Protein backbone atom coordinates (compact mmCIF):
# COMPACT_ATOMS: atom_id res chain seq x y z
CA UNK A 1 -4.14 51.95 -6.93
CA UNK A 2 -3.72 50.61 -3.37
CA UNK A 3 -7.23 49.14 -3.48
CA UNK A 4 -6.40 47.32 -6.72
CA UNK A 5 -3.16 45.94 -5.24
CA UNK A 6 -4.99 44.71 -2.13
CA UNK A 7 -7.65 43.02 -4.23
CA UNK A 8 -5.03 41.33 -6.39
CA UNK A 9 -3.15 40.14 -3.27
CA UNK A 10 -6.31 38.75 -1.69
CA UNK A 11 -7.17 36.99 -4.92
CA UNK A 12 -3.68 35.42 -5.06
CA UNK A 13 -3.88 34.27 -1.42
CA UNK A 14 -7.31 32.68 -1.92
CA UNK A 15 -6.07 30.87 -5.03
CA UNK A 16 -3.13 29.29 -3.13
CA UNK A 17 -5.14 28.08 -0.13
CA UNK A 18 -6.75 24.66 -0.47
CA UNK A 19 -9.29 23.22 1.93
CA UNK A 20 -7.70 20.45 3.97
CA UNK A 21 -9.32 17.12 4.81
CA UNK A 22 -10.30 16.42 8.42
CA UNK A 23 -10.39 13.15 10.33
CA UNK A 24 -13.74 11.45 9.76
CA UNK A 25 -14.05 12.69 6.17
CA UNK A 26 -13.43 10.69 3.02
CA UNK A 27 -9.71 10.63 2.27
CA UNK A 28 -8.82 12.30 -1.04
CA UNK A 29 -8.30 9.68 -3.71
CA UNK A 30 -5.07 9.48 -5.69
CA UNK A 31 -3.59 7.55 -8.57
CA UNK A 32 0.19 7.87 -8.49
CA UNK A 33 3.03 6.05 -10.29
CA UNK A 34 4.89 3.43 -8.28
CA UNK A 35 8.65 3.83 -8.10
CA UNK A 36 10.52 1.34 -10.36
CA UNK A 37 7.29 0.11 -11.92
CA UNK A 38 5.06 0.82 -14.88
CA UNK A 39 2.05 0.42 -12.58
CA UNK A 40 0.19 3.03 -10.51
CA UNK A 41 -1.39 2.85 -7.06
CA UNK A 42 -4.98 4.01 -6.53
CA UNK A 43 -6.27 4.58 -3.00
CA UNK A 44 -9.92 3.95 -3.89
CA UNK A 45 -9.00 0.43 -5.03
CA UNK A 46 -8.45 -0.49 -1.36
CA UNK A 47 -11.68 0.48 0.40
CA UNK A 48 -11.54 -2.76 2.41
CA UNK A 49 -7.99 -2.15 3.66
CA UNK A 50 -6.29 -0.06 6.34
CA UNK A 51 -3.77 2.11 4.51
CA UNK A 52 -0.78 3.81 6.13
CA UNK A 53 0.73 6.77 4.24
CA UNK A 54 4.09 8.43 4.87
CA UNK A 55 4.25 11.85 3.19
CA UNK A 56 7.91 12.69 2.61
CA UNK A 57 10.26 14.79 0.49
CA UNK A 58 12.82 12.70 -1.35
CA UNK A 59 15.60 15.20 -0.61
CA UNK A 60 14.29 16.26 2.81
CA UNK A 61 17.02 15.71 5.46
CA UNK A 62 14.68 15.13 8.42
CA UNK A 63 12.51 12.81 6.30
CA UNK A 64 15.61 10.70 5.66
CA UNK A 65 16.42 10.69 9.38
CA UNK A 66 12.89 9.94 10.56
CA UNK A 67 11.75 7.66 7.74
CA UNK A 68 13.27 4.41 9.09
CA UNK A 69 10.85 4.41 12.04
CA UNK A 70 7.94 3.99 9.60
CA UNK A 71 9.58 0.78 8.40
CA UNK A 72 10.71 -0.71 11.71
CA UNK A 73 7.86 0.32 14.01
CA UNK A 74 4.89 0.51 11.66
CA UNK A 75 5.29 -1.46 8.43
CA UNK A 76 7.13 -4.42 9.94
CA UNK A 77 4.50 -4.63 12.68
CA UNK A 78 1.53 -4.98 10.32
CA UNK A 79 2.89 -6.04 6.92
CA UNK A 80 1.74 -9.66 7.28
CA UNK A 81 -1.87 -8.65 7.92
CA UNK A 82 -3.83 -9.04 4.65
CA UNK A 83 -5.99 -6.06 5.60
CA UNK A 84 -3.04 -3.64 5.81
CA UNK A 85 -1.17 -1.65 3.15
CA UNK A 86 1.49 1.04 3.32
CA UNK A 87 2.59 3.68 0.81
CA UNK A 88 5.24 6.35 0.92
CA UNK A 89 4.40 9.43 -1.17
CA UNK A 90 7.07 11.84 -2.40
CA UNK A 91 5.61 15.32 -2.08
CA UNK A 92 8.62 17.08 -3.60
CA UNK A 93 7.94 15.56 -7.05
CA UNK A 94 11.57 14.49 -7.34
CA UNK A 95 13.04 12.12 -9.91
CA UNK A 96 13.04 8.33 -9.66
CA UNK A 97 16.77 8.38 -8.92
CA UNK A 98 16.24 10.75 -5.98
CA UNK A 99 13.52 8.47 -4.63
CA UNK A 100 15.72 5.39 -5.04
CA UNK A 101 18.40 7.22 -3.08
CA UNK A 102 15.79 8.01 -0.41
CA UNK A 103 14.81 4.32 -0.25
CA UNK A 104 18.45 3.29 0.12
CA UNK A 105 19.05 5.79 2.92
CA UNK A 106 15.87 4.97 4.88
CA UNK A 107 15.65 1.24 4.17
CA UNK A 108 11.94 1.44 3.32
CA UNK A 109 10.61 -1.74 1.68
CA UNK A 110 6.99 -0.73 1.13
CA UNK A 111 5.97 0.89 -2.20
CA UNK A 112 7.00 4.50 -2.82
CA UNK A 113 4.79 6.68 -5.01
CA UNK A 114 5.92 9.62 -7.14
CA UNK A 115 4.56 13.10 -7.91
CA UNK A 116 2.49 13.45 -4.74
CA UNK A 117 2.62 17.22 -4.16
CA UNK A 118 -1.02 17.73 -5.10
CA UNK A 119 -2.03 14.78 -2.93
CA UNK A 120 -0.36 16.35 0.11
CA UNK A 121 -2.18 19.59 -0.69
CA UNK A 122 -5.50 17.71 -0.78
CA UNK A 123 -4.89 16.25 2.67
CA UNK A 124 -3.27 19.18 4.46
CA UNK A 125 -4.27 22.23 2.46
CA UNK A 126 -0.62 23.09 1.80
CA UNK A 127 2.55 21.60 0.34
CA UNK A 128 4.78 22.10 3.40
CA UNK A 129 3.31 19.50 5.81
CA UNK A 130 5.53 16.61 4.74
CA UNK A 131 7.25 14.17 7.12
CA UNK A 132 3.77 13.27 8.31
CA UNK A 133 1.85 10.04 8.90
CA UNK A 134 -1.72 9.45 7.75
CA UNK A 135 -3.98 6.44 8.33
CA UNK A 136 -6.91 5.73 6.02
CA UNK A 137 -9.45 3.21 7.30
CA UNK A 138 -12.49 1.39 5.98
CA UNK A 139 -14.28 2.90 2.98
CA UNK A 140 -11.31 5.27 2.57
CA UNK A 141 -12.21 7.25 5.69
CA UNK A 142 -9.41 9.40 7.11
CA UNK A 143 -8.94 8.13 10.68
CA UNK A 144 -5.61 9.74 11.61
CA UNK A 145 -3.72 12.76 10.29
CA UNK A 146 -0.37 13.51 11.90
CA UNK A 147 0.60 17.04 12.87
CA UNK A 148 4.19 16.24 13.89
CA UNK A 149 7.14 14.51 12.26
CA UNK A 150 6.73 10.77 11.88
CA UNK A 151 9.10 9.81 14.68
CA UNK A 152 6.99 11.68 17.24
CA UNK A 153 3.56 10.04 16.85
CA UNK A 154 4.28 6.35 16.23
CA UNK A 155 2.11 5.22 19.16
CA UNK A 156 -0.87 7.26 17.92
CA UNK A 157 -0.44 5.88 14.40
CA UNK A 158 -0.31 2.29 15.63
CA UNK A 159 -3.38 2.83 17.82
CA UNK A 160 -5.33 4.12 14.81
CA UNK A 161 -4.23 1.18 12.65
CA UNK A 162 -5.09 -1.38 15.32
CA UNK A 163 -8.51 0.16 15.94
CA UNK A 164 -9.37 -0.16 12.25
CA UNK A 165 -7.98 -3.69 11.95
CA UNK A 166 -10.06 -4.70 14.96
CA UNK A 167 -13.20 -3.46 13.18
CA UNK A 168 -12.37 -5.67 10.21
CA UNK A 169 -11.72 -8.71 12.40
CA UNK A 170 -14.98 -8.16 14.29
CA UNK A 171 -17.06 -7.73 11.14
CA UNK A 172 -15.64 -10.77 9.34
CA UNK A 173 -15.53 -13.82 11.59
CA UNK A 174 -13.36 -16.62 10.24
CA UNK A 175 -15.37 -19.08 8.17
CA UNK A 176 -14.06 -22.62 8.58
CA UNK A 177 -16.71 -24.21 6.36
CA UNK A 178 -15.77 -25.97 3.13
CA UNK A 179 -16.02 -23.56 0.16
CA UNK A 180 -18.50 -24.26 -2.63
CA UNK A 181 -15.93 -23.68 -5.39
CA UNK A 182 -12.20 -23.45 -5.98
CA UNK A 183 -11.05 -19.92 -5.13
CA UNK A 184 -7.71 -18.20 -5.80
CA UNK A 185 -7.44 -15.03 -3.74
CA UNK A 186 -5.47 -11.90 -4.55
CA UNK A 187 -2.03 -12.11 -3.00
CA UNK A 188 -1.16 -9.87 -0.08
CA UNK A 189 0.56 -7.59 0.33
CA UNK A 190 0.34 -6.39 -3.26
CA UNK A 191 2.51 -4.64 -4.38
CA UNK A 192 5.09 -6.55 -2.32
CA UNK A 193 8.81 -6.80 -1.57
CA UNK A 194 10.26 -9.35 -1.37
CA UNK A 195 7.66 -11.95 -0.29
CA UNK A 196 3.90 -12.26 -0.54
CA UNK A 197 1.15 -14.55 0.73
CA UNK A 198 -1.04 -16.48 -1.72
CA UNK A 199 -4.24 -18.03 -0.40
CA UNK A 200 -6.49 -20.54 -2.18
CA UNK A 201 -9.53 -22.60 -1.25
CA UNK A 202 -10.57 -26.06 -2.41
CA UNK A 203 -14.10 -27.47 -2.26
CA UNK A 204 -12.71 -31.02 -2.10
CA UNK A 205 -9.34 -32.72 -1.84
CA UNK A 206 -7.44 -32.43 -5.10
CA UNK A 207 -4.06 -32.65 -6.80
CA UNK A 208 -2.96 -29.07 -7.41
CA UNK A 209 -0.09 -27.00 -8.70
CA UNK A 210 0.41 -23.35 -7.83
CA UNK A 211 3.12 -21.74 -9.96
CA UNK A 212 4.46 -18.27 -10.75
CA UNK A 213 5.01 -17.04 -14.32
CA UNK A 214 6.60 -14.00 -15.92
CA UNK A 215 4.72 -11.74 -18.35
CA UNK A 216 5.67 -13.85 -21.39
CA UNK A 217 4.47 -17.09 -19.82
CA UNK A 218 7.70 -18.67 -18.56
CA UNK A 219 7.19 -20.74 -15.43
CA UNK A 220 9.55 -19.37 -12.80
CA UNK A 221 8.65 -21.14 -9.59
CA UNK A 222 6.34 -23.87 -8.27
CA UNK A 223 5.01 -22.51 -5.00
CA UNK A 224 2.85 -25.50 -4.05
CA UNK A 225 2.09 -28.93 -5.53
CA UNK A 226 0.63 -32.24 -4.50
CA UNK A 227 -2.63 -33.37 -2.94
CA UNK A 228 -4.30 -30.78 -0.73
CA UNK A 229 -7.34 -31.31 1.51
CA UNK A 230 -10.55 -29.32 1.13
CA UNK A 231 -10.59 -25.93 2.83
CA UNK A 232 -8.36 -22.87 2.90
CA UNK A 233 -4.60 -22.97 2.27
CA UNK A 234 -1.94 -20.28 2.39
CA UNK A 235 1.60 -20.27 0.97
CA UNK A 236 4.43 -17.74 0.70
CA UNK A 237 6.30 -16.83 -2.48
CA UNK A 238 9.74 -15.31 -1.87
CA UNK A 239 10.81 -13.16 -4.83
CA UNK A 240 14.18 -12.09 -3.43
CA UNK A 241 15.95 -13.39 -6.53
CA UNK A 242 13.61 -11.78 -9.05
CA UNK A 243 13.53 -8.22 -10.44
CA UNK A 244 10.71 -5.72 -10.00
CA UNK A 245 7.80 -6.22 -12.35
CA UNK A 246 4.46 -7.88 -13.03
CA UNK A 247 4.11 -11.60 -12.38
CA UNK A 248 1.23 -14.06 -12.66
CA UNK A 249 0.37 -16.94 -10.35
CA UNK A 250 -1.77 -19.83 -11.58
CA UNK A 251 -3.61 -22.49 -9.60
CA UNK A 252 -4.27 -25.66 -11.60
CA UNK A 253 -6.59 -28.43 -10.40
CA UNK A 254 -7.99 -31.40 -12.35
CA UNK A 255 -11.20 -29.41 -12.87
CA UNK A 256 -10.00 -25.87 -13.62
CA UNK A 257 -7.23 -23.30 -13.82
CA UNK A 258 -7.28 -19.86 -12.12
CA UNK A 259 -4.80 -17.01 -12.63
CA UNK A 260 -4.14 -13.70 -10.83
CA UNK A 261 -1.63 -10.90 -11.34
CA UNK A 262 0.78 -9.48 -8.73
CA UNK A 263 3.36 -6.70 -8.63
CA UNK A 264 6.88 -6.93 -7.18
CA UNK A 265 8.40 -3.52 -6.36
CA UNK A 266 12.00 -3.29 -5.10
């Protein structure tokens, strides 16, 4: 009888232990719903970005106390870099209302993702290592995995982010040549709150209009208009007065019209 009990116990222990992911390995992918949105976020969609992740519990007291440092010292430092993204992941699988309360308490403005308990397990091999920072670099490689609460390793996190951003800057020298076609780039950051950068390129001087539309085609805002020289241009759309949701931005020139989608998450 004792032998049977021991075997059953060992079997239960082995079934609850998950292999964790180490620095240098491919970061486990995830597709998780975005708080206050019908959209989801997928890590593997951002292989060319440096992604910061804050694993938290929506009702975790020390996560609420420590969370603001991820906004002030990390996100605000890098949010304007087009090669950087940040996500918070609730590992307690709490309700949307609990996560909105967590956002209000911490002041986080970057996207928060729901139902992340299994994702934490994939990274750490358990579901108790929340209040941790993770940095995912190029090609979704795990470059930093925190072992302490997020307020205790900010310098290490920032060093990992900057090292990866430097690789991107080194490998993609700025091209000041005139583009061969009209190009409308994906806005960044995306998802965003409350403002985002929209970049477009013109192969010759042209009269243009760049406008934002809602999902039913109503024009909400003209972001840029007039005659623009050939080359690359960048403008900011401030969505402070608009609700969370999907929006479209359209660049119209005399020769063509280009449209992209973006997501506002508040």
